[in-house]
Each structure stands twice: as structure tokens, then as C-alpha cells.
């Protein structure tokens, strides 16, 4: 029983560590940005193409600054999150 509890706690710590890293991350790939915004990968690419989300071109790839993503979230907020 104690081993199961320790394994579960260890798994939770690993998950929380990953979340903290994402929160403190400053630059995202398109896939990471979609995860951060909780939207689909195709959706972020579409929003990028139509100019709804700012990005930095990195060769053939899009790179998104956290400040750009947060700005988009603020602009598209539908109501208070409680």
C-alpha cells in the first residue's frame, strides 16, 4: 500500500513539475501554444494564418511568445472564470 501511495505521489509531482515548466515558458511551438491555449493544433494554425494571433517566423515554423498568447486570451475572454 505504501509503495502504491509513493508511486502515485511521485507521478503527481512529475505532472506538477511539467505544468510549472509550461507556465514559466516564454516561447512556444505551434503545438505547445495550442496546448497552452487549450485549442486544437489546426485552430492555432488557422488563427495564425488569418492574423488573429501574433507570431515570430522561424524558418517554416511559427514561434509564439507567451505574451502574444496571453494577449489573445485576454482579447477573447467571454466572461469571468470562477
PDB file of N, CA and C in Angstrom:
ATOM      1  N   UNK A   1       0.822  -1.199   0.000  1.00  0.00           N
ATOM      2  CA  UNK A   1       0.000   0.000   0.000  1.00  0.00           C
ATOM      3  C   UNK A   1       0.865   1.261   0.000  1.00  0.00           C
ATOM      4  N   UNK A   2       1.886   1.303   0.845  1.00  0.00           N
ATOM      5  CA  UNK A   2       2.761   2.467   0.890  1.00  0.00           C
ATOM      6  C   UNK A   2       3.488   2.682  -0.432  1.00  0.00           C
ATOM      7  N   UNK A   3       3.884   1.586  -1.092  1.00  0.00           N
ATOM      8  CA  UNK A   3       4.562   1.714  -2.385  1.00  0.00           C
ATOM      9  C   UNK A   3       3.629   2.309  -3.427  1.00  0.00           C
ATOM     10  N   UNK A   4       2.374   1.890  -3.421  1.00  0.00           N
ATOM     11  CA  UNK A   4       1.397   2.449  -4.360  1.00  0.00           C
ATOM     12  C   UNK A   4       1.192   3.942  -4.111  1.00  0.00           C
ATOM     13  N   UNK A   5       1.105   4.308  -2.853  1.00  0.00           N
ATOM     14  CA  UNK A   5       0.925   5.710  -2.497  1.00  0.00           C
ATOM     15  C   UNK A   5       2.143   6.538  -2.909  1.00  0.00           C
ATOM     16  N   UNK A   6       3.335   6.007  -2.679  1.00  0.00           N
ATOM     17  CA  UNK A   6       4.557   6.706  -3.075  1.00  0.00           C
ATOM     18  C   UNK A   6       4.640   6.871  -4.590  1.00  0.00           C
ATOM     19  N   UNK A   7       4.250   5.836  -5.325  1.00  0.00           N
ATOM     20  CA  UNK A   7       4.261   5.918  -6.786  1.00  0.00           C
ATOM     21  C   UNK A   7       3.275   6.981  -7.265  1.00  0.00           C
ATOM     22  N   UNK A   8       2.092   6.988  -6.675  1.00  0.00           N
ATOM     23  CA  UNK A   8       1.083   7.977  -7.055  1.00  0.00           C
ATOM     24  C   UNK A   8       1.572   9.397  -6.750  1.00  0.00           C
ATOM     25  N   UNK A   9       2.165   9.590  -5.584  1.00  0.00           N
ATOM     26  CA  UNK A   9       2.701  10.905  -5.229  1.00  0.00           C
ATOM     27  C   UNK A   9       3.813  11.326  -6.181  1.00  0.00           C
ATOM     28  N   UNK A  10       4.688  10.395  -6.523  1.00  0.00           N
ATOM     29  CA  UNK A  10       5.774  10.681  -7.457  1.00  0.00           C
ATOM     30  C   UNK A  10       5.226  11.073  -8.831  1.00  0.00           C
ATOM     31  N   UNK A  11       4.209  10.355  -9.297  1.00  0.00           N
ATOM     32  CA  UNK A  11       3.582  10.681 -10.581  1.00  0.00           C
ATOM     33  C   UNK A  11       2.965  12.079 -10.544  1.00  0.00           C
ATOM     34  N   UNK A  12       2.309  12.402  -9.427  1.00  0.00           N
ATOM     35  CA  UNK A  12       1.697  13.724  -9.285  1.00  0.00           C
ATOM     36  C   UNK A  12       2.750  14.828  -9.280  1.00  0.00           C
ATOM     37  N   UNK A  13       3.865  14.579  -8.623  1.00  0.00           N
ATOM     38  CA  UNK A  13       4.952  15.562  -8.583  1.00  0.00           C
ATOM     39  C   UNK A  13       5.505  15.792  -9.985  1.00  0.00           C
ATOM     40  N   UNK A  14       5.687  14.718 -10.745  1.00  0.00           N
ATOM     41  CA  UNK A  14       6.184  14.849 -12.117  1.00  0.00           C
ATOM     42  C   UNK A  14       5.212  15.664 -12.966  1.00  0.00           C
ATOM     43  N   UNK A  15       3.921  15.396 -12.815  1.00  0.00           N
ATOM     44  CA  UNK A  15       2.909  16.124 -13.578  1.00  0.00           C
ATOM     45  C   UNK A  15       2.919  17.612 -13.209  1.00  0.00           C
ATOM     46  N   UNK A  16       2.983  17.911 -11.928  1.00  0.00           N
ATOM     47  CA  UNK A  16       3.014  19.305 -11.480  1.00  0.00           C
ATOM     48  C   UNK A  16       4.277  20.022 -11.947  1.00  0.00           C
ATOM     49  N   UNK A  17       5.395  19.321 -11.956  1.00  0.00           N
ATOM     50  CA  UNK A  17       6.645  19.902 -12.444  1.00  0.00           C
ATOM     51  C   UNK A  17       6.506  20.295 -13.911  1.00  0.00           C
ATOM     52  N   UNK A  18       5.884  19.438 -14.702  1.00  0.00           N
ATOM     53  CA  UNK A  18       5.652  19.748 -16.111  1.00  0.00           C
ATOM     54  C   UNK A  18       4.754  20.960 -16.290  1.00  0.00           C
ATOM     55  N   UNK A  19       3.727  21.063 -15.465  1.00  0.00           N
ATOM     56  CA  UNK A  19       2.813  22.206 -15.535  1.00  0.00           C
ATOM     57  C   UNK A  19       3.550  23.494 -15.188  1.00  0.00           C
ATOM     58  N   UNK A  20       4.355  23.455 -14.156  1.00  0.00           N
ATOM     59  CA  UNK A  20       5.115  24.642 -13.740  1.00  0.00           C
ATOM     60  C   UNK A  20       6.069  25.082 -14.844  1.00  0.00           C
ATOM     61  N   UNK A  21       6.722  24.131 -15.499  1.00  0.00           N
ATOM     62  CA  UNK A  21       7.635  24.468 -16.595  1.00  0.00           C
ATOM     63  C   UNK A  21       6.887  25.160 -17.722  1.00  0.00           C
ATOM     64  N   UNK A  22       5.679  24.669 -18.048  1.00  0.00           N
ATOM     65  CA  UNK A  22       4.905  25.279 -19.126  1.00  0.00           C
ATOM     66  C   UNK A  22       4.470  26.686 -18.768  1.00  0.00           C
ATOM     67  N   UNK A  23       4.080  26.882 -17.513  1.00  0.00           N
ATOM     68  CA  UNK A  23       3.632  28.203 -17.081  1.00  0.00           C
ATOM     69  C   UNK A  23       4.769  29.210 -17.181  1.00  0.00           C
ATOM     70  N   UNK A  24       5.977  28.794 -16.843  1.00  0.00           N
ATOM     71  CA  UNK A  24       7.114  29.713 -16.852  1.00  0.00           C
ATOM     72  C   UNK A  24       7.784  29.813 -18.223  1.00  0.00           C
ATOM     73  N   UNK A  25       7.342  29.014 -19.167  1.00  0.00           N
ATOM     74  CA  UNK A  25       7.915  29.017 -20.513  1.00  0.00           C
ATOM     75  C   UNK A  25       7.577  30.333 -21.206  1.00  0.00           C
ATOM     76  N   UNK A  26       8.507  30.890 -21.948  1.00  0.00           N
ATOM     77  CA  UNK A  26       8.304  32.179 -22.610  1.00  0.00           C
ATOM     78  C   UNK A  26       8.058  32.062 -24.114  1.00  0.00           C
ATOM     79  N   UNK A  27       8.510  30.971 -24.737  1.00  0.00           N
ATOM     80  CA  UNK A  27       8.366  30.787 -26.182  1.00  0.00           C
ATOM     81  C   UNK A  27       7.806  29.396 -26.440  1.00  0.00           C
ATOM     82  N   UNK A  28       6.845  29.312 -27.371  1.00  0.00           N
ATOM     83  CA  UNK A  28       6.153  28.063 -27.639  1.00  0.00           C
ATOM     84  C   UNK A  28       6.195  27.718 -29.125  1.00  0.00           C
ATOM     85  N   UNK A  29       6.230  26.436 -29.422  1.00  0.00           N
ATOM     86  CA  UNK A  29       5.986  25.968 -30.785  1.00  0.00           C
ATOM     87  C   UNK A  29       4.478  26.041 -31.014  1.00  0.00           C
ATOM     88  N   UNK A  30       4.038  25.797 -32.241  1.00  0.00           N
ATOM     89  CA  UNK A  30       2.602  25.816 -32.524  1.00  0.00           C
ATOM     90  C   UNK A  30       1.871  24.762 -31.690  1.00  0.00           C
ATOM     91  N   UNK A  31       2.451  23.590 -31.577  1.00  0.00           N
ATOM     92  CA  UNK A  31       1.815  22.526 -30.795  1.00  0.00           C
ATOM     93  C   UNK A  31       1.721  22.916 -29.322  1.00  0.00           C
ATOM     94  N   UNK A  32       2.812  23.448 -28.775  1.00  0.00           N
ATOM     95  CA  UNK A  32       2.819  23.860 -27.371  1.00  0.00           C
ATOM     96  C   UNK A  32       1.854  25.020 -27.134  1.00  0.00           C
ATOM     97  N   UNK A  33       1.802  25.951 -28.095  1.00  0.00           N
ATOM     98  CA  UNK A  33       0.891  27.089 -27.969  1.00  0.00           C
ATOM     99  C   UNK A  33      -0.562  26.622 -27.976  1.00  0.00           C
ATOM    100  N   UNK A  34      -0.876  25.662 -28.834  1.00  0.00           N
ATOM    101  CA  UNK A  34      -2.238  25.117 -28.867  1.00  0.00           C
ATOM    102  C   UNK A  34      -2.588  24.473 -27.527  1.00  0.00           C
ATOM    103  N   UNK A  35      -1.657  23.737 -26.963  1.00  0.00           N
ATOM    104  CA  UNK A  35      -1.890  23.118 -25.654  1.00  0.00           C
ATOM    105  C   UNK A  35      -2.071  24.183 -24.580  1.00  0.00           C
ATOM    106  N   UNK A  36      -1.248  25.211 -24.609  1.00  0.00           N
ATOM    107  CA  UNK A  36      -1.329  26.288 -23.625  1.00  0.00           C
ATOM    108  C   UNK A  36      -2.690  26.984 -23.693  1.00  0.00           C
ATOM    109  N   UNK A  37      -3.171  27.220 -24.921  1.00  0.00           N
ATOM    110  CA  UNK A  37      -4.456  27.890 -25.106  1.00  0.00           C
ATOM    111  C   UNK A  37      -5.642  26.937 -24.996  1.00  0.00           C
ATOM    112  N   UNK A  38      -5.337  25.644 -24.967  1.00  0.00           N
ATOM    113  CA  UNK A  38      -6.375  24.600 -24.926  1.00  0.00           C
ATOM    114  C   UNK A  38      -7.283  24.666 -26.151  1.00  0.00           C
ATOM    115  N   UNK A  39      -6.624  24.808 -27.296  1.00  0.00           N
ATOM    116  CA  UNK A  39      -7.323  24.762 -28.572  1.00  0.00           C
ATOM    117  C   UNK A  39      -6.611  23.740 -29.444  1.00  0.00           C
ATOM    118  N   UNK A  40      -7.222  23.379 -30.550  1.00  0.00           N
ATOM    119  CA  UNK A  40      -6.626  22.400 -31.438  1.00  0.00           C
ATOM    120  C   UNK A  40      -5.445  22.962 -32.221  1.00  0.00           C
ATOM    121  N   UNK A  41      -4.577  22.071 -32.637  1.00  0.00           N
ATOM    122  CA  UNK A  41      -3.404  22.451 -33.433  1.00  0.00           C
ATOM    123  C   UNK A  41      -3.835  23.139 -34.727  1.00  0.00           C
ATOM    124  N   UNK A  42      -4.826  22.561 -35.416  1.00  0.00           N
ATOM    125  CA  UNK A  42      -5.315  23.168 -36.655  1.00  0.00           C
ATOM    126  C   UNK A  42      -5.899  24.554 -36.397  1.00  0.00           C
ATOM    127  N   UNK A  43      -6.528  24.717 -35.238  1.00  0.00           N
ATOM    128  CA  UNK A  43      -7.125  26.009 -34.894  1.00  0.00           C
ATOM    129  C   UNK A  43      -6.060  27.081 -34.731  1.00  0.00           C
ATOM    130  N   UNK A  44      -4.975  26.761 -34.047  1.00  0.00           N
ATOM    131  CA  UNK A  44      -3.935  27.794 -33.873  1.00  0.00           C
ATOM    132  C   UNK A  44      -3.286  28.143 -35.206  1.00  0.00           C
ATOM    133  N   UNK A  45      -3.130  27.173 -36.076  1.00  0.00           N
ATOM    134  CA  UNK A  45      -2.569  27.473 -37.397  1.00  0.00           C
ATOM    135  C   UNK A  45      -3.513  28.364 -38.196  1.00  0.00           C
ATOM    136  N   UNK A  46      -4.812  28.088 -38.110  1.00  0.00           N
ATOM    137  CA  UNK A  46      -5.806  28.913 -38.814  1.00  0.00           C
ATOM    138  C   UNK A  46      -5.803  30.340 -38.254  1.00  0.00           C
ATOM    139  N   UNK A  47      -5.800  30.462 -36.926  1.00  0.00           N
ATOM    140  CA  UNK A  47      -5.781  31.787 -36.299  1.00  0.00           C
ATOM    141  C   UNK A  47      -4.509  32.556 -36.668  1.00  0.00           C
ATOM    142  N   UNK A  48      -3.418  31.839 -36.820  1.00  0.00           N
ATOM    143  CA  UNK A  48      -2.159  32.463 -37.223  1.00  0.00           C
ATOM    144  C   UNK A  48      -2.261  32.972 -38.655  1.00  0.00           C
ATOM    145  N   UNK A  49      -2.780  32.123 -39.545  1.00  0.00           N
ATOM    146  CA  UNK A  49      -2.881  32.494 -40.961  1.00  0.00           C
ATOM    147  C   UNK A  49      -3.768  33.716 -41.175  1.00  0.00           C
ATOM    148  N   UNK A  50      -4.840  33.840 -40.379  1.00  0.00           N
ATOM    149  CA  UNK A  50      -5.757  34.970 -40.571  1.00  0.00           C
ATOM    150  C   UNK A  50      -5.372  36.185 -39.723  1.00  0.00           C
ATOM    151  N   UNK A  51      -4.237  36.101 -39.039  1.00  0.00           N
ATOM    152  CA  UNK A  51      -3.717  37.244 -38.303  1.00  0.00           C
ATOM    153  C   UNK A  51      -4.327  37.485 -36.937  1.00  0.00           C
ATOM    154  N   UNK A  52      -4.988  36.484 -36.380  1.00  0.00           N
ATOM    155  CA  UNK A  52      -5.609  36.643 -35.065  1.00  0.00           C
ATOM    156  C   UNK A  52      -4.618  36.486 -33.916  1.00  0.00           C
ATOM    157  N   UNK A  53      -3.556  35.732 -34.137  1.00  0.00           N
ATOM    158  CA  UNK A  53      -2.542  35.510 -33.105  1.00  0.00           C
ATOM    159  C   UNK A  53      -1.190  35.937 -33.665  1.00  0.00           C
ATOM    160  N   UNK A  54      -0.484  36.754 -32.899  1.00  0.00           N
ATOM    161  CA  UNK A  54       0.850  37.187 -33.313  1.00  0.00           C
ATOM    162  C   UNK A  54       1.829  36.018 -33.215  1.00  0.00           C
ATOM    163  N   UNK A  55       2.852  36.062 -34.044  1.00  0.00           N
ATOM    164  CA  UNK A  55       3.868  35.009 -34.044  1.00  0.00           C
ATOM    165  C   UNK A  55       5.177  35.570 -34.562  1.00  0.00           C
ATOM    166  N   UNK A  56       6.214  34.785 -34.410  1.00  0.00           N
ATOM    167  CA  UNK A  56       7.515  35.093 -34.993  1.00  0.00           C
ATOM    168  C   UNK A  56       7.838  33.946 -35.933  1.00  0.00           C
ATOM    169  N   UNK A  57       8.208  34.269 -37.165  1.00  0.00           N
ATOM    170  CA  UNK A  57       8.566  33.226 -38.121  1.00  0.00           C
ATOM    171  C   UNK A  57       9.966  32.718 -37.801  1.00  0.00           C
ATOM    172  N   UNK A  58      10.082  31.397 -37.785  1.00  0.00           N
ATOM    173  CA  UNK A  58      11.372  30.747 -37.556  1.00  0.00           C
ATOM    174  C   UNK A  58      11.547  29.751 -38.692  1.00  0.00           C
ATOM    175  N   UNK A  59      12.032  30.242 -39.817  1.00  0.00           N
ATOM    176  CA  UNK A  59      12.093  29.388 -41.000  1.00  0.00           C
ATOM    177  C   UNK A  59      10.679  29.108 -41.467  1.00  0.00           C
ATOM    178  N   UNK A  60      10.345  27.831 -41.603  1.00  0.00           N
ATOM    179  CA  UNK A  60       8.999  27.428 -41.996  1.00  0.00           C
ATOM    180  C   UNK A  60       8.093  27.190 -40.798  1.00  0.00           C
ATOM    181  N   UNK A  61       8.578  27.485 -39.613  1.00  0.00           N
ATOM    182  CA  UNK A  61       7.811  27.229 -38.392  1.00  0.00           C
ATOM    183  C   UNK A  61       7.338  28.529 -37.765  1.00  0.00           C
ATOM    184  N   UNK A  62       6.257  28.420 -37.000  1.00  0.00           N
ATOM    185  CA  UNK A  62       5.759  29.545 -36.221  1.00  0.00           C
ATOM    186  C   UNK A  62       6.265  29.398 -34.794  1.00  0.00           C
ATOM    187  N   UNK A  63       6.646  30.516 -34.196  1.00  0.00           N
ATOM    188  CA  UNK A  63       7.037  30.549 -32.791  1.00  0.00           C
ATOM    189  C   UNK A  63       6.169  31.612 -32.126  1.00  0.00           C
ATOM    190  N   UNK A  64       5.647  31.274 -30.973  1.00  0.00           N
ATOM    191  CA  UNK A  64       4.716  32.160 -30.277  1.00  0.00           C
ATOM    192  C   UNK A  64       5.297  32.571 -28.933  1.00  0.00           C
ATOM    193  N   UNK A  65       5.343  33.875 -28.686  1.00  0.00           N
ATOM    194  CA  UNK A  65       5.758  34.362 -27.379  1.00  0.00           C
ATOM    195  C   UNK A  65       4.572  34.246 -26.425  1.00  0.00           C
ATOM    196  N   UNK A  66       4.859  33.942 -25.187  1.00  0.00           N
ATOM    197  CA  UNK A  66       3.804  33.804 -24.183  1.00  0.00           C
ATOM    198  C   UNK A  66       2.965  35.076 -24.103  1.00  0.00           C
ATOM    199  N   UNK A  67       3.615  36.227 -24.208  1.00  0.00           N
ATOM    200  CA  UNK A  67       2.878  37.489 -24.131  1.00  0.00           C
ATOM    201  C   UNK A  67       1.862  37.612 -25.267  1.00  0.00           C
ATOM    202  N   UNK A  68       2.175  37.075 -26.468  1.00  0.00           N
ATOM    203  CA  UNK A  68       1.230  37.092 -27.585  1.00  0.00           C
ATOM    204  C   UNK A  68       0.017  36.218 -27.268  1.00  0.00           C
ATOM    205  N   UNK A  69       0.286  35.050 -26.699  1.00  0.00           N
ATOM    206  CA  UNK A  69      -0.793  34.117 -26.386  1.00  0.00           C
ATOM    207  C   UNK A  69      -1.686  34.662 -25.279  1.00  0.00           C
ATOM    208  N   UNK A  70      -1.069  35.250 -24.258  1.00  0.00           N
ATOM    209  CA  UNK A  70      -1.848  35.832 -23.165  1.00  0.00           C
ATOM    210  C   UNK A  70      -2.695  37.006 -23.662  1.00  0.00           C
ATOM    211  N   UNK A  71      -2.135  37.783 -24.573  1.00  0.00           N
ATOM    212  CA  UNK A  71      -2.875  38.905 -25.166  1.00  0.00           C
ATOM    213  C   UNK A  71      -4.108  38.387 -25.912  1.00  0.00           C
ATOM    214  N   UNK A  72      -3.936  37.310 -26.676  1.00  0.00           N
ATOM    215  CA  UNK A  72      -5.060  36.720 -27.405  1.00  0.00           C
ATOM    216  C   UNK A  72      -6.112  36.199 -26.427  1.00  0.00           C
ATOM    217  N   UNK A  73      -5.671  35.562 -25.349  1.00  0.00           N
ATOM    218  CA  UNK A  73      -6.611  35.066 -24.339  1.00  0.00           C
ATOM    219  C   UNK A  73      -7.413  36.212 -23.741  1.00  0.00           C
ATOM    220  N   UNK A  74      -6.751  37.289 -23.386  1.00  0.00           N
ATOM    221  CA  UNK A  74      -7.447  38.439 -22.797  1.00  0.00           C
ATOM    222  C   UNK A  74      -8.454  39.036 -23.772  1.00  0.00           C
ATOM    223  N   UNK A  75      -8.056  39.139 -25.032  1.00  0.00           N
ATOM    224  CA  UNK A  75      -8.922  39.727 -26.051  1.00  0.00           C
ATOM    225  C   UNK A  75     -10.154  38.861 -26.320  1.00  0.00           C
ATOM    226  N   UNK A  76     -10.022  37.562 -26.152  1.00  0.00           N
ATOM    227  CA  UNK A  76     -11.103  36.640 -26.498  1.00  0.00           C
ATOM    228  C   UNK A  76     -11.818  36.062 -25.288  1.00  0.00           C
ATOM    229  N   UNK A  77     -11.627  36.682 -24.147  1.00  0.00           N
ATOM    230  CA  UNK A  77     -12.290  36.223 -22.919  1.00  0.00           C
ATOM    231  C   UNK A  77     -13.794  36.458 -23.057  1.00  0.00           C
ATOM    232  N   UNK A  78     -14.578  35.437 -22.755  1.00  0.00           N
ATOM    233  CA  UNK A  78     -16.035  35.536 -22.876  1.00  0.00           C
ATOM    234  C   UNK A  78     -16.697  35.970 -21.579  1.00  0.00           C
ATOM    235  N   UNK A  79     -16.073  35.698 -20.471  1.00  0.00           N
ATOM    236  CA  UNK A  79     -16.640  36.053 -19.178  1.00  0.00           C
ATOM    237  C   UNK A  79     -15.650  35.722 -18.092  1.00  0.00           C
ATOM    238  N   UNK A  80     -15.993  36.074 -16.894  1.00  0.00           N
ATOM    239  CA  UNK A  80     -15.109  35.778 -15.772  1.00  0.00           C
ATOM    240  C   UNK A  80     -15.007  34.290 -15.541  1.00  0.00           C
ATOM    241  N   UNK A  81     -13.815  33.845 -15.249  1.00  0.00           N
ATOM    242  CA  UNK A  81     -13.587  32.444 -14.894  1.00  0.00           C
ATOM    243  C   UNK A  81     -13.626  32.371 -13.383  1.00  0.00           C
ATOM    244  N   UNK A  82     -14.531  31.593 -12.879  1.00  0.00           N
ATOM    245  CA  UNK A  82     -14.664  31.467 -11.418  1.00  0.00           C
ATOM    246  C   UNK A  82     -14.546  30.040 -11.014  1.00  0.00           C
TER     247      UNK A  82
END
